[in-house]
Amino acid sequence: MELQEMLIPIFQYVHQSGILEKPIVEGDFISHKELVEVLKKRDADAYRKAIRIHLNNHFARILA
């Protein structure tokens, strides 16, 4: 629950800021659905790699 309380303001900012309107950066992309599948495998290293790929696109949008 604490994690959700921390993330909700971030998600609200992202949705209100228009960042998601910017085009997706070329390269690998992992969706939320794919992240859930990685979590089901209970492999911490695989999840770290997957979340890094997932977030790279968002970081690129912010910094563009």
C-alpha atoms as a PDB file:
ATOM      1  CA  MET A   1       0.000   0.000   0.000  1.00  0.00           C
ATOM      2  CA  GLU A   2       2.829   2.429   0.788  1.00  0.00           C
ATOM      3  CA  LEU A   3       4.256   1.927  -2.690  1.00  0.00           C
ATOM      4  CA  GLN A   4       0.906   2.776  -4.268  1.00  0.00           C
ATOM      5  CA  GLU A   5       0.595   5.891  -2.112  1.00  0.00           C
ATOM      6  CA  MET A   6       4.015   6.990  -3.337  1.00  0.00           C
ATOM      7  CA  LEU A   7       3.330   6.230  -7.009  1.00  0.00           C
ATOM      8  CA  ILE A   8      -0.153   7.733  -7.368  1.00  0.00           C
ATOM      9  CA  PRO A   9       1.063  11.385  -7.400  1.00  0.00           C
ATOM     10  CA  ILE A  10       3.705  10.457  -9.974  1.00  0.00           C
ATOM     11  CA  PHE A  11       1.136   8.791 -12.225  1.00  0.00           C
ATOM     12  CA  GLN A  12      -1.204  11.762 -11.834  1.00  0.00           C
ATOM     13  CA  TYR A  13       1.572  14.135 -12.880  1.00  0.00           C
ATOM     14  CA  VAL A  14       2.479  12.023 -15.896  1.00  0.00           C
ATOM     15  CA  HIS A  15      -1.128  11.895 -17.101  1.00  0.00           C
ATOM     16  CA  GLN A  16      -1.755  15.620 -16.511  1.00  0.00           C
ATOM     17  CA  SER A  17       1.549  16.837 -17.961  1.00  0.00           C
ATOM     18  CA  GLY A  18       1.017  15.583 -21.505  1.00  0.00           C
ATOM     19  CA  ILE A  19       4.196  13.493 -21.463  1.00  0.00           C
ATOM     20  CA  LEU A  20       2.236  10.517 -22.764  1.00  0.00           C
ATOM     21  CA  GLU A  21       1.263  12.525 -25.833  1.00  0.00           C
ATOM     22  CA  LYS A  22       4.897  12.515 -27.002  1.00  0.00           C
ATOM     23  CA  PRO A  23       5.777   9.744 -29.473  1.00  0.00           C
ATOM     24  CA  ILE A  24       7.184   6.469 -28.223  1.00  0.00           C
ATOM     25  CA  VAL A  25      10.938   6.320 -28.598  1.00  0.00           C
ATOM     26  CA  GLU A  26      12.331   3.723 -30.975  1.00  0.00           C
ATOM     27  CA  GLY A  27      13.665   0.613 -29.288  1.00  0.00           C
ATOM     28  CA  ASP A  28      12.524  -2.082 -26.914  1.00  0.00           C
ATOM     29  CA  PHE A  29       9.269  -1.651 -25.039  1.00  0.00           C
ATOM     30  CA  ILE A  30       7.700  -3.729 -22.283  1.00  0.00           C
ATOM     31  CA  SER A  31       4.033  -3.218 -21.434  1.00  0.00           C
ATOM     32  CA  HIS A  32       2.399  -3.429 -18.017  1.00  0.00           C
ATOM     33  CA  LYS A  33       0.905  -6.776 -19.034  1.00  0.00           C
ATOM     34  CA  GLU A  34       4.378  -8.074 -19.864  1.00  0.00           C
ATOM     35  CA  LEU A  35       5.690  -6.793 -16.513  1.00  0.00           C
ATOM     36  CA  VAL A  36       3.005  -8.807 -14.713  1.00  0.00           C
ATOM     37  CA  GLU A  37       4.090 -11.932 -16.603  1.00  0.00           C
ATOM     38  CA  VAL A  38       7.695 -11.365 -15.507  1.00  0.00           C
ATOM     39  CA  LEU A  39       6.537 -10.889 -11.897  1.00  0.00           C
ATOM     40  CA  LYS A  40       4.690 -14.206 -12.020  1.00  0.00           C
ATOM     41  CA  LYS A  41       8.017 -15.937 -12.715  1.00  0.00           C
ATOM     42  CA  ARG A  42       9.386 -14.567  -9.408  1.00  0.00           C
ATOM     43  CA  ASP A  43      12.766 -13.819 -10.997  1.00  0.00           C
ATOM     44  CA  ALA A  44      14.120 -10.604  -9.450  1.00  0.00           C
ATOM     45  CA  ASP A  45      16.870 -10.147 -12.045  1.00  0.00           C
ATOM     46  CA  ALA A  46      14.449 -10.585 -14.952  1.00  0.00           C
ATOM     47  CA  TYR A  47      12.075  -8.061 -13.352  1.00  0.00           C
ATOM     48  CA  ARG A  48      14.867  -5.507 -12.852  1.00  0.00           C
ATOM     49  CA  LYS A  49      15.760  -5.813 -16.535  1.00  0.00           C
ATOM     50  CA  ALA A  50      12.122  -5.630 -17.635  1.00  0.00           C
ATOM     51  CA  ILE A  51      11.267  -2.574 -15.519  1.00  0.00           C
ATOM     52  CA  ARG A  52      14.416  -0.810 -16.736  1.00  0.00           C
ATOM     53  CA  ILE A  53      13.338  -1.358 -20.354  1.00  0.00           C
ATOM     54  CA  HIS A  54       9.785  -0.279 -19.503  1.00  0.00           C
ATOM     55  CA  LEU A  55      10.915   2.930 -17.804  1.00  0.00           C
ATOM     56  CA  ASN A  56      13.568   3.859 -20.406  1.00  0.00           C
ATOM     57  CA  ASN A  57      10.834   4.905 -22.820  1.00  0.00           C
ATOM     58  CA  HIS A  58       9.246   7.151 -20.207  1.00  0.00           C
ATOM     59  CA  PHE A  59      12.583   8.707 -19.268  1.00  0.00           C
ATOM     60  CA  ALA A  60      13.298   9.382 -22.944  1.00  0.00           C
ATOM     61  CA  ARG A  61       9.925  11.150 -23.281  1.00  0.00           C
ATOM     62  CA  ILE A  62      10.618  13.312 -20.234  1.00  0.00           C
ATOM     63  CA  LEU A  63      14.105  14.272 -21.342  1.00  0.00           C
ATOM     64  CA  ALA A  64      13.215  14.862 -24.999  1.00  0.00           C
END
